[in-house]
N, C-alpha and C. Protein backbone atom coordinates (compact mmCIF):
# COMPACT_ATOMS: atom_id res chain seq x y z
N UNK A 1 0.84 -1.16 0.00
CA UNK A 1 0.00 0.00 0.00
C UNK A 1 0.90 1.24 0.00
N UNK A 2 0.50 2.23 -0.76
CA UNK A 2 1.19 3.52 -0.78
C UNK A 2 0.17 4.60 -0.51
N UNK A 3 0.55 5.53 0.33
CA UNK A 3 -0.32 6.67 0.61
C UNK A 3 0.50 7.93 0.42
N UNK A 4 -0.09 8.91 -0.27
CA UNK A 4 0.60 10.17 -0.54
C UNK A 4 -0.32 11.32 -0.18
N UNK A 5 0.27 12.31 0.45
CA UNK A 5 -0.46 13.55 0.76
C UNK A 5 0.40 14.69 0.24
N UNK A 6 -0.16 15.44 -0.72
CA UNK A 6 0.60 16.55 -1.29
C UNK A 6 0.08 17.87 -0.74
N UNK A 7 0.94 18.88 -0.75
CA UNK A 7 0.51 20.20 -0.32
C UNK A 7 -0.35 20.83 -1.42
N UNK A 8 -1.10 21.88 -1.09
CA UNK A 8 -2.06 22.46 -2.05
C UNK A 8 -1.43 22.95 -3.37
N UNK A 9 -0.18 23.41 -3.33
CA UNK A 9 0.44 23.88 -4.57
C UNK A 9 1.25 22.79 -5.27
N UNK A 10 1.15 21.56 -4.78
CA UNK A 10 1.78 20.39 -5.39
C UNK A 10 3.30 20.50 -5.52
N UNK A 11 3.93 21.23 -4.64
CA UNK A 11 5.38 21.32 -4.66
C UNK A 11 6.03 20.21 -3.85
N UNK A 12 5.36 19.78 -2.79
CA UNK A 12 5.90 18.75 -1.90
C UNK A 12 4.82 17.71 -1.63
N UNK A 13 5.28 16.51 -1.36
CA UNK A 13 4.35 15.44 -0.97
C UNK A 13 5.05 14.55 0.04
N UNK A 14 4.28 14.04 0.98
CA UNK A 14 4.76 13.06 1.95
C UNK A 14 4.15 11.73 1.56
N UNK A 15 4.92 10.66 1.73
CA UNK A 15 4.39 9.36 1.37
C UNK A 15 4.78 8.30 2.38
N UNK A 16 4.02 7.23 2.36
CA UNK A 16 4.31 6.07 3.18
C UNK A 16 4.10 4.83 2.33
N UNK A 17 4.94 3.85 2.52
CA UNK A 17 4.81 2.56 1.86
C UNK A 17 4.67 1.51 2.94
N UNK A 18 3.70 0.66 2.79
CA UNK A 18 3.47 -0.42 3.76
C UNK A 18 3.39 -1.72 2.99
N UNK A 19 4.24 -2.67 3.37
CA UNK A 19 4.25 -4.00 2.75
C UNK A 19 3.98 -5.02 3.85
N UNK A 20 3.01 -5.87 3.59
CA UNK A 20 2.70 -6.94 4.55
C UNK A 20 3.95 -7.75 4.85
N UNK A 21 4.10 -8.18 6.08
CA UNK A 21 5.32 -8.88 6.48
C UNK A 21 5.57 -10.14 5.66
N UNK A 22 4.52 -10.85 5.26
CA UNK A 22 4.73 -12.06 4.47
C UNK A 22 5.06 -11.77 3.01
N UNK A 23 5.00 -10.50 2.60
CA UNK A 23 5.32 -10.10 1.22
C UNK A 23 6.68 -9.41 1.13
N UNK A 24 7.34 -9.20 2.24
CA UNK A 24 8.63 -8.52 2.24
C UNK A 24 9.68 -9.41 1.57
N UNK A 25 10.63 -8.75 0.92
CA UNK A 25 11.71 -9.47 0.25
C UNK A 25 11.37 -9.87 -1.18
N UNK A 26 10.25 -9.39 -1.70
CA UNK A 26 9.84 -9.74 -3.06
C UNK A 26 9.88 -8.53 -3.99
N UNK A 27 10.64 -7.51 -3.66
CA UNK A 27 10.79 -6.25 -4.41
C UNK A 27 9.51 -5.43 -4.49
N UNK A 28 8.50 -5.79 -3.73
CA UNK A 28 7.25 -5.05 -3.77
C UNK A 28 7.44 -3.60 -3.29
N UNK A 29 8.20 -3.40 -2.21
CA UNK A 29 8.47 -2.05 -1.72
C UNK A 29 9.18 -1.21 -2.78
N UNK A 30 10.14 -1.80 -3.44
CA UNK A 30 10.87 -1.11 -4.51
C UNK A 30 9.93 -0.73 -5.65
N UNK A 31 9.10 -1.66 -6.07
CA UNK A 31 8.17 -1.39 -7.15
C UNK A 31 7.17 -0.29 -6.79
N UNK A 32 6.66 -0.33 -5.56
CA UNK A 32 5.71 0.69 -5.12
C UNK A 32 6.37 2.07 -5.06
N UNK A 33 7.58 2.11 -4.52
CA UNK A 33 8.27 3.40 -4.43
C UNK A 33 8.59 3.94 -5.81
N UNK A 34 9.04 3.10 -6.70
CA UNK A 34 9.32 3.53 -8.06
C UNK A 34 8.06 4.08 -8.73
N UNK A 35 6.96 3.41 -8.53
CA UNK A 35 5.70 3.84 -9.14
C UNK A 35 5.27 5.21 -8.60
N UNK A 36 5.36 5.41 -7.28
CA UNK A 36 4.93 6.67 -6.71
C UNK A 36 5.88 7.80 -7.12
N UNK A 37 7.16 7.52 -7.24
CA UNK A 37 8.11 8.54 -7.70
C UNK A 37 7.77 8.96 -9.12
N UNK A 38 7.56 8.00 -10.00
CA UNK A 38 7.20 8.32 -11.39
C UNK A 38 5.90 9.09 -11.47
N UNK A 39 4.91 8.66 -10.71
CA UNK A 39 3.61 9.33 -10.75
C UNK A 39 3.70 10.77 -10.25
N UNK A 40 4.35 10.98 -9.11
CA UNK A 40 4.45 12.33 -8.57
C UNK A 40 5.25 13.23 -9.51
N UNK A 41 6.30 12.71 -10.14
CA UNK A 41 7.04 13.51 -11.13
C UNK A 41 6.12 13.92 -12.27
N UNK A 42 5.31 12.99 -12.74
CA UNK A 42 4.40 13.30 -13.85
C UNK A 42 3.37 14.35 -13.46
N UNK A 43 3.11 14.48 -12.16
CA UNK A 43 2.16 15.48 -11.66
C UNK A 43 2.83 16.80 -11.30
N UNK A 44 4.16 16.85 -11.45
CA UNK A 44 4.89 18.08 -11.20
C UNK A 44 5.37 18.27 -9.77
N UNK A 45 5.23 17.27 -8.92
CA UNK A 45 5.71 17.37 -7.54
C UNK A 45 7.23 17.49 -7.55
N UNK A 46 7.74 18.44 -6.80
CA UNK A 46 9.17 18.70 -6.80
C UNK A 46 9.93 17.99 -5.68
N UNK A 47 9.24 17.65 -4.58
CA UNK A 47 9.93 17.04 -3.44
C UNK A 47 9.04 15.98 -2.81
N UNK A 48 9.61 14.80 -2.60
CA UNK A 48 8.93 13.71 -1.89
C UNK A 48 9.64 13.50 -0.56
N UNK A 49 8.86 13.34 0.48
CA UNK A 49 9.41 13.15 1.82
C UNK A 49 8.79 11.91 2.45
N UNK A 50 9.63 11.13 3.10
CA UNK A 50 9.15 9.98 3.87
C UNK A 50 9.81 10.01 5.24
N UNK A 51 9.11 9.49 6.20
CA UNK A 51 9.67 9.37 7.55
C UNK A 51 9.71 7.89 7.88
N UNK A 52 10.84 7.44 8.34
CA UNK A 52 10.98 6.03 8.73
C UNK A 52 11.80 5.95 10.01
N UNK A 53 11.70 4.84 10.65
CA UNK A 53 12.45 4.63 11.88
C UNK A 53 13.92 4.35 11.54
N UNK A 54 14.86 4.85 12.33
CA UNK A 54 16.28 4.65 12.04
C UNK A 54 16.68 3.17 12.01
N UNK A 55 15.95 2.33 12.72
CA UNK A 55 16.29 0.90 12.74
C UNK A 55 15.72 0.14 11.53
N UNK A 56 14.95 0.83 10.68
CA UNK A 56 14.40 0.19 9.49
C UNK A 56 15.46 0.22 8.38
N UNK A 57 16.46 -0.62 8.54
CA UNK A 57 17.63 -0.62 7.65
C UNK A 57 17.26 -0.90 6.19
N UNK A 58 16.32 -1.81 5.97
CA UNK A 58 15.96 -2.14 4.59
C UNK A 58 15.33 -0.95 3.88
N UNK A 59 14.49 -0.20 4.58
CA UNK A 59 13.88 0.99 3.99
C UNK A 59 14.94 2.05 3.71
N UNK A 60 15.86 2.23 4.62
CA UNK A 60 16.93 3.20 4.42
C UNK A 60 17.81 2.82 3.23
N UNK A 61 18.10 1.53 3.08
CA UNK A 61 18.89 1.06 1.95
C UNK A 61 18.14 1.29 0.64
N UNK A 62 16.84 1.01 0.65
CA UNK A 62 16.03 1.22 -0.54
C UNK A 62 15.97 2.70 -0.91
N UNK A 63 15.77 3.56 0.08
CA UNK A 63 15.73 4.99 -0.17
C UNK A 63 17.06 5.47 -0.75
N UNK A 64 18.15 4.96 -0.23
CA UNK A 64 19.47 5.34 -0.75
C UNK A 64 19.63 4.86 -2.19
N UNK A 65 19.19 3.65 -2.47
CA UNK A 65 19.26 3.11 -3.83
C UNK A 65 18.46 3.96 -4.81
N UNK A 66 17.37 4.56 -4.34
CA UNK A 66 16.50 5.40 -5.17
C UNK A 66 16.90 6.87 -5.12
N UNK A 67 18.09 7.16 -4.59
CA UNK A 67 18.69 8.50 -4.59
C UNK A 67 18.00 9.51 -3.67
N UNK A 68 17.36 9.05 -2.61
CA UNK A 68 16.81 9.97 -1.63
C UNK A 68 17.94 10.52 -0.78
N UNK A 69 17.78 11.75 -0.31
CA UNK A 69 18.74 12.31 0.64
C UNK A 69 18.18 12.13 2.03
N UNK A 70 19.03 12.23 3.03
CA UNK A 70 18.65 11.96 4.40
C UNK A 70 18.86 13.18 5.28
N UNK A 71 17.84 13.50 6.09
CA UNK A 71 17.96 14.51 7.13
C UNK A 71 17.98 13.77 8.46
N UNK A 72 19.03 14.01 9.21
CA UNK A 72 19.14 13.31 10.49
C UNK A 72 19.01 14.30 11.61
């Protein structure tokens, strides 16, 4: 599941990706994130933001692979 909330002027959007535990490890998170990135770009969104727990290493690795920057 992916959920996105964009600001009224469509400059920024926050998103969350949720993958059922029995579906993890099947590239579903990667596919969902890629899809939402492509869609938001096509809509003109300039910045995507996600919040994750620091111990969620797989999500952090995926975000890095997809060229996200990190604010700590």
